[in-house]
Each structure stands twice: as C-alpha cells, then as structure tokens.
Amino acid sequence: AVWLGVFSTLFFLFLSQSWLVYVPSENDFIFGSIKTVFS
C-alpha cells in the first residue's frame, strides 16, 4: 500500500505538470486557476 501511494503520487505529479505545458484555447476560462494551483 505504501509503494502504491508512492506510484500514485508520481503518476499525479507528472500528469498534473503536463497540463501546464498545453497552450489553452482563447475560449478557455479555467487554465489560469489550474496553473495557479498546480504550478
């Protein structure tokens, strides 16, 4: 269970940071908030 938690955390870290690399659409209204939280 401990190592599963480590794996889940690493998976989430890489995935959430990949969100910040995308270029948002001009109609997007949430990217700024997502960036504030996950950066």
ModelCIF file with pLDDT and N, C-alpha, C, O atoms, coordinates in Angstrom:
data_MODEL
#
_entry.id   MODEL 
#
_entity.id                         1 
_entity.type                       polymer 
_entity.pdbx_number_of_molecules   1 
#
_entity_poly.entity_id                      1 
_entity_poly.type                           'polypeptide(L)' 
_entity_poly.nstd_linkage                   no 
_entity_poly.nstd_monomer                   no 
_entity_poly.pdbx_seq_one_letter_code       AVWLGVFSTLFFLFLSQSWLVYVPSENDFIFGSIKTVFS 
_entity_poly.pdbx_seq_one_letter_code_can   AVWLGVFSTLFFLFLSQSWLVYVPSENDFIFGSIKTVFS 
_entity_poly.pdbx_strand_id                 A 
#
loop_
_entity_poly_seq.entity_id 
_entity_poly_seq.num 
_entity_poly_seq.mon_id 
_entity_poly_seq.hetero 
1 1  ALA n 
1 2  VAL n 
1 3  TRP n 
1 4  LEU n 
1 5  GLY n 
1 6  VAL n 
1 7  PHE n 
1 8  SER n 
1 9  THR n 
1 10 LEU n 
1 11 PHE n 
1 12 PHE n 
1 13 LEU n 
1 14 PHE n 
1 15 LEU n 
1 16 SER n 
1 17 GLN n 
1 18 SER n 
1 19 TRP n 
1 20 LEU n 
1 21 VAL n 
1 22 TYR n 
1 23 VAL n 
1 24 PRO n 
1 25 SER n 
1 26 GLU n 
1 27 ASN n 
1 28 ASP n 
1 29 PHE n 
1 30 ILE n 
1 31 PHE n 
1 32 GLY n 
1 33 SER n 
1 34 ILE n 
1 35 LYS n 
1 36 THR n 
1 37 VAL n 
1 38 PHE n 
1 39 SER n 
#
_struct_asym.id          A 
_struct_asym.entity_id   1 
#
loop_
_ma_qa_metric.id 
_ma_qa_metric.mode 
_ma_qa_metric.name 
_ma_qa_metric.software_group_id 
_ma_qa_metric.type 
1 global pLDDT . pLDDT 
2 local  pLDDT . pLDDT 
#
_ma_qa_metric_global.metric_id      1 
_ma_qa_metric_global.metric_value   90.00 
_ma_qa_metric_global.model_id       1 
_ma_qa_metric_global.ordinal_id     1 
#
loop_
_ma_qa_metric_local.label_asym_id 
_ma_qa_metric_local.label_comp_id 
_ma_qa_metric_local.label_seq_id 
_ma_qa_metric_local.metric_id 
_ma_qa_metric_local.metric_value 
_ma_qa_metric_local.model_id 
_ma_qa_metric_local.ordinal_id 
A ALA 1  2 96.00 1 1  
A VAL 2  2 95.00 1 2  
A TRP 3  2 95.00 1 3  
A LEU 4  2 95.00 1 4  
A GLY 5  2 92.00 1 5  
A VAL 6  2 92.00 1 6  
A PHE 7  2 94.00 1 7  
A SER 8  2 93.00 1 8  
A THR 9  2 87.00 1 9  
A LEU 10 2 89.00 1 10 
A PHE 11 2 92.00 1 11 
A PHE 12 2 88.00 1 12 
A LEU 13 2 85.00 1 13 
A PHE 14 2 88.00 1 14 
A LEU 15 2 90.00 1 15 
A SER 16 2 87.00 1 16 
A GLN 17 2 87.00 1 17 
A SER 18 2 91.00 1 18 
A TRP 19 2 91.00 1 19 
A LEU 20 2 89.00 1 20 
A VAL 21 2 91.00 1 21 
A TYR 22 2 93.00 1 22 
A VAL 23 2 93.00 1 23 
A PRO 24 2 92.00 1 24 
A SER 25 2 94.00 1 25 
A GLU 26 2 92.00 1 26 
A ASN 27 2 94.00 1 27 
A ASP 28 2 94.00 1 28 
A PHE 29 2 92.00 1 29 
A ILE 30 2 92.00 1 30 
A PHE 31 2 92.00 1 31 
A GLY 32 2 90.00 1 32 
A SER 33 2 89.00 1 33 
A ILE 34 2 88.00 1 34 
A LYS 35 2 87.00 1 35 
A THR 36 2 83.00 1 36 
A VAL 37 2 81.00 1 37 
A PHE 38 2 81.00 1 38 
A SER 39 2 76.00 1 39 
#
loop_
_atom_site.group_PDB 
_atom_site.id 
_atom_site.type_symbol 
_atom_site.label_atom_id 
_atom_site.label_alt_id 
_atom_site.label_comp_id 
_atom_site.label_asym_id 
_atom_site.label_entity_id 
_atom_site.label_seq_id 
_atom_site.pdbx_PDB_ins_code 
_atom_site.Cartn_x 
_atom_site.Cartn_y 
_atom_site.Cartn_z 
_atom_site.occupancy 
_atom_site.B_iso_or_equiv 
_atom_site.pdbx_formal_charge 
_atom_site.auth_seq_id 
_atom_site.auth_comp_id 
_atom_site.auth_asym_id 
_atom_site.auth_atom_id 
_atom_site.pdbx_PDB_model_num 
ATOM 1   N N  . ALA A 1 1  ? 0.830   -1.209 0.000   1.00 96.00 ? 1  ALA A N  1 
ATOM 2   C CA . ALA A 1 1  ? 0.000   0.000  0.000   1.00 96.00 ? 1  ALA A CA 1 
ATOM 3   C C  . ALA A 1 1  ? 0.863   1.256  0.000   1.00 96.00 ? 1  ALA A C  1 
ATOM 4   O O  . ALA A 1 1  ? 0.526   2.248  -0.647  1.00 96.00 ? 1  ALA A O  1 
ATOM 5   N N  . VAL A 1 2  ? 1.981   1.211  0.730   1.00 95.00 ? 2  VAL A N  1 
ATOM 6   C CA . VAL A 1 2  ? 2.894   2.358  0.760   1.00 95.00 ? 2  VAL A CA 1 
ATOM 7   C C  . VAL A 1 2  ? 3.457   2.616  -0.635  1.00 95.00 ? 2  VAL A C  1 
ATOM 8   O O  . VAL A 1 2  ? 3.449   3.756  -1.099  1.00 95.00 ? 2  VAL A O  1 
ATOM 9   N N  . TRP A 1 3  ? 3.942   1.580  -1.307  1.00 95.00 ? 3  TRP A N  1 
ATOM 10  C CA . TRP A 1 3  ? 4.529   1.763  -2.631  1.00 95.00 ? 3  TRP A CA 1 
ATOM 11  C C  . TRP A 1 3  ? 3.479   2.129  -3.667  1.00 95.00 ? 3  TRP A C  1 
ATOM 12  O O  . TRP A 1 3  ? 3.785   2.812  -4.645  1.00 95.00 ? 3  TRP A O  1 
ATOM 13  N N  . LEU A 1 4  ? 2.245   1.683  -3.463  1.00 95.00 ? 4  LEU A N  1 
ATOM 14  C CA . LEU A 1 4  ? 1.157   2.106  -4.341  1.00 95.00 ? 4  LEU A CA 1 
ATOM 15  C C  . LEU A 1 4  ? 0.911   3.601  -4.190  1.00 95.00 ? 4  LEU A C  1 
ATOM 16  O O  . LEU A 1 4  ? 0.655   4.294  -5.174  1.00 95.00 ? 4  LEU A O  1 
ATOM 17  N N  . GLY A 1 5  ? 0.990   4.101  -2.948  1.00 92.00 ? 5  GLY A N  1 
ATOM 18  C CA . GLY A 1 5  ? 0.849   5.531  -2.711  1.00 92.00 ? 5  GLY A CA 1 
ATOM 19  C C  . GLY A 1 5  ? 1.964   6.318  -3.375  1.00 92.00 ? 5  GLY A C  1 
ATOM 20  O O  . GLY A 1 5  ? 1.725   7.394  -3.923  1.00 92.00 ? 5  GLY A O  1 
ATOM 21  N N  . VAL A 1 6  ? 3.180   5.793  -3.331  1.00 92.00 ? 6  VAL A N  1 
ATOM 22  C CA . VAL A 1 6  ? 4.318   6.447  -3.988  1.00 92.00 ? 6  VAL A CA 1 
ATOM 23  C C  . VAL A 1 6  ? 4.091   6.500  -5.498  1.00 92.00 ? 6  VAL A C  1 
ATOM 24  O O  . VAL A 1 6  ? 4.293   7.540  -6.125  1.00 92.00 ? 6  VAL A O  1 
ATOM 25  N N  . PHE A 1 7  ? 3.672   5.376  -6.077  1.00 94.00 ? 7  PHE A N  1 
ATOM 26  C CA . PHE A 1 7  ? 3.414   5.327  -7.518  1.00 94.00 ? 7  PHE A CA 1 
ATOM 27  C C  . PHE A 1 7  ? 2.307   6.307  -7.912  1.00 94.00 ? 7  PHE A C  1 
ATOM 28  O O  . PHE A 1 7  ? 2.432   7.023  -8.906  1.00 94.00 ? 7  PHE A O  1 
ATOM 29  N N  . SER A 1 8  ? 1.223   6.335  -7.127  1.00 93.00 ? 8  SER A N  1 
ATOM 30  C CA . SER A 1 8  ? 0.101   7.233  -7.423  1.00 93.00 ? 8  SER A CA 1 
ATOM 31  C C  . SER A 1 8  ? 0.546   8.689  -7.387  1.00 93.00 ? 8  SER A C  1 
ATOM 32  O O  . SER A 1 8  ? 0.129   9.495  -8.219  1.00 93.00 ? 8  SER A O  1 
ATOM 33  N N  . THR A 1 9  ? 1.390   9.017  -6.423  1.00 87.00 ? 9  THR A N  1 
ATOM 34  C CA . THR A 1 9  ? 1.884   10.382 -6.294  1.00 87.00 ? 9  THR A CA 1 
ATOM 35  C C  . THR A 1 9  ? 2.751   10.774 -7.475  1.00 87.00 ? 9  THR A C  1 
ATOM 36  O O  . THR A 1 9  ? 2.616   11.876 -8.007  1.00 87.00 ? 9  THR A O  1 
ATOM 37  N N  . LEU A 1 10 ? 3.643   9.879  -7.890  1.00 89.00 ? 10 LEU A N  1 
ATOM 38  C CA . LEU A 1 10 ? 4.494   10.153 -9.047  1.00 89.00 ? 10 LEU A CA 1 
ATOM 39  C C  . LEU A 1 10 ? 3.660   10.300 -10.314 1.00 89.00 ? 10 LEU A C  1 
ATOM 40  O O  . LEU A 1 10 ? 3.906   11.199 -11.118 1.00 89.00 ? 10 LEU A O  1 
ATOM 41  N N  . PHE A 1 11 ? 2.685   9.429  -10.494 1.00 92.00 ? 11 PHE A N  1 
ATOM 42  C CA . PHE A 1 11 ? 1.802   9.492  -11.661 1.00 92.00 ? 11 PHE A CA 1 
ATOM 43  C C  . PHE A 1 11 ? 1.074   10.833 -11.707 1.00 92.00 ? 11 PHE A C  1 
ATOM 44  O O  . PHE A 1 11 ? 0.991   11.480 -12.751 1.00 92.00 ? 11 PHE A O  1 
ATOM 45  N N  . PHE A 1 12 ? 0.550   11.233 -10.553 1.00 88.00 ? 12 PHE A N  1 
ATOM 46  C CA . PHE A 1 12 ? -0.174  12.501 -10.467 1.00 88.00 ? 12 PHE A CA 1 
ATOM 47  C C  . PHE A 1 12 ? 0.754   13.683 -10.718 1.00 88.00 ? 12 PHE A C  1 
ATOM 48  O O  . PHE A 1 12 ? 0.361   14.645 -11.378 1.00 88.00 ? 12 PHE A O  1 
ATOM 49  N N  . LEU A 1 13 ? 1.981   13.624 -10.201 1.00 85.00 ? 13 LEU A N  1 
ATOM 50  C CA . LEU A 1 13 ? 2.936   14.714 -10.383 1.00 85.00 ? 13 LEU A CA 1 
ATOM 51  C C  . LEU A 1 13 ? 3.238   14.937 -11.867 1.00 85.00 ? 13 LEU A C  1 
ATOM 52  O O  . LEU A 1 13 ? 3.164   16.064 -12.357 1.00 85.00 ? 13 LEU A O  1 
ATOM 53  N N  . PHE A 1 14 ? 3.575   13.872 -12.568 1.00 88.00 ? 14 PHE A N  1 
ATOM 54  C CA . PHE A 1 14 ? 3.916   14.018 -13.988 1.00 88.00 ? 14 PHE A CA 1 
ATOM 55  C C  . PHE A 1 14 ? 2.700   14.445 -14.807 1.00 88.00 ? 14 PHE A C  1 
ATOM 56  O O  . PHE A 1 14 ? 2.820   15.270 -15.713 1.00 88.00 ? 14 PHE A O  1 
ATOM 57  N N  . LEU A 1 15 ? 1.540   13.891 -14.494 1.00 90.00 ? 15 LEU A N  1 
ATOM 58  C CA . LEU A 1 15 ? 0.342   14.224 -15.255 1.00 90.00 ? 15 LEU A CA 1 
ATOM 59  C C  . LEU A 1 15 ? -0.067  15.675 -15.031 1.00 90.00 ? 15 LEU A C  1 
ATOM 60  O O  . LEU A 1 15 ? -0.347  16.395 -15.990 1.00 90.00 ? 15 LEU A O  1 
ATOM 61  N N  . SER A 1 16 ? -0.103  16.110 -13.773 1.00 87.00 ? 16 SER A N  1 
ATOM 62  C CA . SER A 1 16 ? -0.537  17.471 -13.468 1.00 87.00 ? 16 SER A CA 1 
ATOM 63  C C  . SER A 1 16 ? 0.425   18.510 -14.044 1.00 87.00 ? 16 SER A C  1 
ATOM 64  O O  . SER A 1 16 ? 0.000   19.583 -14.471 1.00 87.00 ? 16 SER A O  1 
ATOM 65  N N  . GLN A 1 17 ? 1.709   18.193 -14.055 1.00 87.00 ? 17 GLN A N  1 
ATOM 66  C CA . GLN A 1 17 ? 2.668   19.138 -14.621 1.00 87.00 ? 17 GLN A CA 1 
ATOM 67  C C  . GLN A 1 17 ? 2.569   19.202 -16.150 1.00 87.00 ? 17 GLN A C  1 
ATOM 68  O O  . GLN A 1 17 ? 2.874   20.227 -16.758 1.00 87.00 ? 17 GLN A O  1 
ATOM 69  N N  . SER A 1 18 ? 2.140   18.093 -16.759 1.00 91.00 ? 18 SER A N  1 
ATOM 70  C CA . SER A 1 18 ? 1.971   18.102 -18.217 1.00 91.00 ? 18 SER A CA 1 
ATOM 71  C C  . SER A 1 18 ? 0.828   19.017 -18.632 1.00 91.00 ? 18 SER A C  1 
ATOM 72  O O  . SER A 1 18 ? 0.848   19.572 -19.731 1.00 91.00 ? 18 SER A O  1 
ATOM 73  N N  . TRP A 1 19 ? -0.185  19.184 -17.753 1.00 91.00 ? 19 TRP A N  1 
ATOM 74  C CA . TRP A 1 19 ? -1.304  20.080 -18.065 1.00 91.00 ? 19 TRP A CA 1 
ATOM 75  C C  . TRP A 1 19 ? -0.819  21.505 -18.316 1.00 91.00 ? 19 TRP A C  1 
ATOM 76  O O  . TRP A 1 19 ? -1.367  22.225 -19.151 1.00 91.00 ? 19 TRP A O  1 
ATOM 77  N N  . LEU A 1 20 ? 0.219   21.896 -17.577 1.00 89.00 ? 20 LEU A N  1 
ATOM 78  C CA . LEU A 1 20 ? 0.693   23.280 -17.641 1.00 89.00 ? 20 LEU A CA 1 
ATOM 79  C C  . LEU A 1 20 ? 1.460   23.583 -18.920 1.00 89.00 ? 20 LEU A C  1 
ATOM 80  O O  . LEU A 1 20 ? 1.703   24.748 -19.233 1.00 89.00 ? 20 LEU A O  1 
ATOM 81  N N  . VAL A 1 21 ? 1.843   22.547 -19.665 1.00 91.00 ? 21 VAL A N  1 
ATOM 82  C CA . VAL A 1 21 ? 2.599   22.735 -20.894 1.00 91.00 ? 21 VAL A CA 1 
ATOM 83  C C  . VAL A 1 21 ? 1.675   23.057 -22.072 1.00 91.00 ? 21 VAL A C  1 
ATOM 84  O O  . VAL A 1 21 ? 2.094   23.674 -23.052 1.00 91.00 ? 21 VAL A O  1 
ATOM 85  N N  . TYR A 1 22 ? 0.423   22.635 -21.964 1.00 93.00 ? 22 TYR A N  1 
ATOM 86  C CA . TYR A 1 22 ? -0.524  22.885 -23.056 1.00 93.00 ? 22 TYR A CA 1 
ATOM 87  C C  . TYR A 1 22 ? -0.775  24.382 -23.253 1.00 93.00 ? 22 TYR A C  1 
ATOM 88  O O  . TYR A 1 22 ? -0.705  25.170 -22.310 1.00 93.00 ? 22 TYR A O  1 
ATOM 89  N N  . VAL A 1 23 ? -1.063  24.747 -24.485 1.00 93.00 ? 23 VAL A N  1 
ATOM 90  C CA . VAL A 1 23 ? -1.461  26.122 -24.804 1.00 93.00 ? 23 VAL A CA 1 
ATOM 91  C C  . VAL A 1 23 ? -2.988  26.162 -24.800 1.00 93.00 ? 23 VAL A C  1 
ATOM 92  O O  . VAL A 1 23 ? -3.621  25.514 -25.633 1.00 93.00 ? 23 VAL A O  1 
ATOM 93  N N  . PRO A 1 24 ? -3.590  26.915 -23.874 1.00 92.00 ? 24 PRO A N  1 
ATOM 94  C CA . PRO A 1 24 ? -5.054  26.906 -23.759 1.00 92.00 ? 24 PRO A CA 1 
ATOM 95  C C  . PRO A 1 24 ? -5.736  27.613 -24.925 1.00 92.00 ? 24 PRO A C  1 
ATOM 96  O O  . PRO A 1 24 ? -5.160  28.496 -25.561 1.00 92.00 ? 24 PRO A O  1 
ATOM 97  N N  . SER A 1 25 ? -6.961  27.211 -25.186 1.00 94.00 ? 25 SER A N  1 
ATOM 98  C CA . SER A 1 25 ? -7.771  27.867 -26.202 1.00 94.00 ? 25 SER A CA 1 
ATOM 99  C C  . SER A 1 25 ? -8.105  29.282 -25.755 1.00 94.00 ? 25 SER A C  1 
ATOM 100 O O  . SER A 1 25 ? -8.122  29.571 -24.559 1.00 94.00 ? 25 SER A O  1 
ATOM 101 N N  . GLU A 1 26 ? -8.367  30.155 -26.702 1.00 92.00 ? 26 GLU A N  1 
ATOM 102 C CA . GLU A 1 26 ? -8.746  31.532 -26.366 1.00 92.00 ? 26 GLU A CA 1 
ATOM 103 C C  . GLU A 1 26 ? -10.089 31.575 -25.625 1.00 92.00 ? 26 GLU A C  1 
ATOM 104 O O  . GLU A 1 26 ? -10.416 32.564 -24.969 1.00 92.00 ? 26 GLU A O  1 
ATOM 105 N N  . ASN A 1 27 ? -10.855 30.492 -25.741 1.00 94.00 ? 27 ASN A N  1 
ATOM 106 C CA . ASN A 1 27 ? -12.144 30.423 -25.041 1.00 94.00 ? 27 ASN A CA 1 
ATOM 107 C C  . ASN A 1 27 ? -12.032 29.766 -23.667 1.00 94.00 ? 27 ASN A C  1 
ATOM 108 O O  . ASN A 1 27 ? -13.019 29.658 -22.939 1.00 94.00 ? 27 ASN A O  1 
ATOM 109 N N  . ASP A 1 28 ? -10.824 29.330 -23.318 1.00 94.00 ? 28 ASP A N  1 
ATOM 110 C CA . ASP A 1 28 ? -10.626 28.678 -22.029 1.00 94.00 ? 28 ASP A CA 1 
ATOM 111 C C  . ASP A 1 28 ? -10.796 29.692 -20.897 1.00 94.00 ? 28 ASP A C  1 
ATOM 112 O O  . ASP A 1 28 ? -10.392 30.849 -21.018 1.00 94.00 ? 28 ASP A O  1 
ATOM 113 N N  . PHE A 1 29 ? -11.398 29.242 -19.798 1.00 92.00 ? 29 PHE A N  1 
ATOM 114 C CA . PHE A 1 29 ? -11.582 30.125 -18.647 1.00 92.00 ? 29 PHE A CA 1 
ATOM 115 C C  . PHE A 1 29 ? -11.035 29.523 -17.354 1.00 92.00 ? 29 PHE A C  1 
ATOM 116 O O  . PHE A 1 29 ? -11.104 30.162 -16.304 1.00 92.00 ? 29 PHE A O  1 
ATOM 117 N N  . ILE A 1 30 ? -10.494 28.308 -17.411 1.00 92.00 ? 30 ILE A N  1 
ATOM 118 C CA . ILE A 1 30 ? -10.067 27.629 -16.191 1.00 92.00 ? 30 ILE A CA 1 
ATOM 119 C C  . ILE A 1 30 ? -8.554  27.452 -16.090 1.00 92.00 ? 30 ILE A C  1 
ATOM 120 O O  . ILE A 1 30 ? -8.038  27.178 -15.006 1.00 92.00 ? 30 ILE A O  1 
ATOM 121 N N  . PHE A 1 31 ? -7.831  27.606 -17.215 1.00 92.00 ? 31 PHE A N  1 
ATOM 122 C CA . PHE A 1 31 ? -6.403  27.292 -17.228 1.00 92.00 ? 31 PHE A CA 1 
ATOM 123 C C  . PHE A 1 31 ? -5.620  28.134 -16.226 1.00 92.00 ? 31 PHE A C  1 
ATOM 124 O O  . PHE A 1 31 ? -4.692  27.633 -15.590 1.00 92.00 ? 31 PHE A O  1 
ATOM 125 N N  . GLY A 1 32 ? -5.979  29.396 -16.081 1.00 90.00 ? 32 GLY A N  1 
ATOM 126 C CA . GLY A 1 32 ? -5.260  30.265 -15.144 1.00 90.00 ? 32 GLY A CA 1 
ATOM 127 C C  . GLY A 1 32 ? -5.343  29.754 -13.721 1.00 90.00 ? 32 GLY A C  1 
ATOM 128 O O  . GLY A 1 32 ? -4.353  29.769 -12.989 1.00 90.00 ? 32 GLY A O  1 
ATOM 129 N N  . SER A 1 33 ? -6.519  29.305 -13.332 1.00 89.00 ? 33 SER A N  1 
ATOM 130 C CA . SER A 1 33 ? -6.704  28.779 -11.976 1.00 89.00 ? 33 SER A CA 1 
ATOM 131 C C  . SER A 1 33 ? -5.951  27.463 -11.796 1.00 89.00 ? 33 SER A C  1 
ATOM 132 O O  . SER A 1 33 ? -5.319  27.236 -10.764 1.00 89.00 ? 33 SER A O  1 
ATOM 133 N N  . ILE A 1 34 ? -6.025  26.596 -12.816 1.00 88.00 ? 34 ILE A N  1 
ATOM 134 C CA . ILE A 1 34 ? -5.293  25.332 -12.761 1.00 88.00 ? 34 ILE A CA 1 
ATOM 135 C C  . ILE A 1 34 ? -3.795  25.591 -12.611 1.00 88.00 ? 34 ILE A C  1 
ATOM 136 O O  . ILE A 1 34 ? -3.118  24.931 -11.823 1.00 88.00 ? 34 ILE A O  1 
ATOM 137 N N  . LYS A 1 35 ? -3.291  26.550 -13.369 1.00 87.00 ? 35 LYS A N  1 
ATOM 138 C CA . LYS A 1 35 ? -1.866  26.872 -13.320 1.00 87.00 ? 35 LYS A CA 1 
ATOM 139 C C  . LYS A 1 35 ? -1.469  27.405 -11.948 1.00 87.00 ? 35 LYS A C  1 
ATOM 140 O O  . LYS A 1 35 ? -0.406  27.072 -11.424 1.00 87.00 ? 35 LYS A O  1 
ATOM 141 N N  . THR A 1 36 ? -2.339  28.240 -11.371 1.00 83.00 ? 36 THR A N  1 
ATOM 142 C CA . THR A 1 36 ? -2.057  28.781 -10.041 1.00 83.00 ? 36 THR A CA 1 
ATOM 143 C C  . THR A 1 36 ? -1.928  27.677 -9.006  1.00 83.00 ? 36 THR A C  1 
ATOM 144 O O  . THR A 1 36 ? -1.041  27.708 -8.153  1.00 83.00 ? 36 THR A O  1 
ATOM 145 N N  . VAL A 1 37 ? -2.825  26.702 -9.089  1.00 81.00 ? 37 VAL A N  1 
ATOM 146 C CA . VAL A 1 37 ? -2.822  25.601 -8.114  1.00 81.00 ? 37 VAL A CA 1 
ATOM 147 C C  . VAL A 1 37 ? -1.651  24.662 -8.342  1.00 81.00 ? 37 VAL A C  1 
ATOM 148 O O  . VAL A 1 37 ? -0.904  24.369 -7.409  1.00 81.00 ? 37 VAL A O  1 
ATOM 149 N N  . PHE A 1 38 ? -1.481  24.187 -9.566  1.00 81.00 ? 38 PHE A N  1 
ATOM 150 C CA . PHE A 1 38 ? -0.553  23.095 -9.801  1.00 81.00 ? 38 PHE A CA 1 
ATOM 151 C C  . PHE A 1 38 ? 0.877   23.534 -10.112 1.00 81.00 ? 38 PHE A C  1 
ATOM 152 O O  . PHE A 1 38 ? 1.788   22.707 -10.105 1.00 81.00 ? 38 PHE A O  1 
ATOM 153 N N  . SER A 1 39 ? 1.085   24.813 -10.382 1.00 76.00 ? 39 SER A N  1 
ATOM 154 C CA . SER A 1 39 ? 2.463   25.267 -10.563 1.00 76.00 ? 39 SER A CA 1 
ATOM 155 C C  . SER A 1 39 ? 3.198   25.309 -9.231  1.00 76.00 ? 39 SER A C  1 
ATOM 156 O O  . SER A 1 39 ? 4.375   25.669 -9.186  1.00 76.00 ? 39 SER A O  1 
#
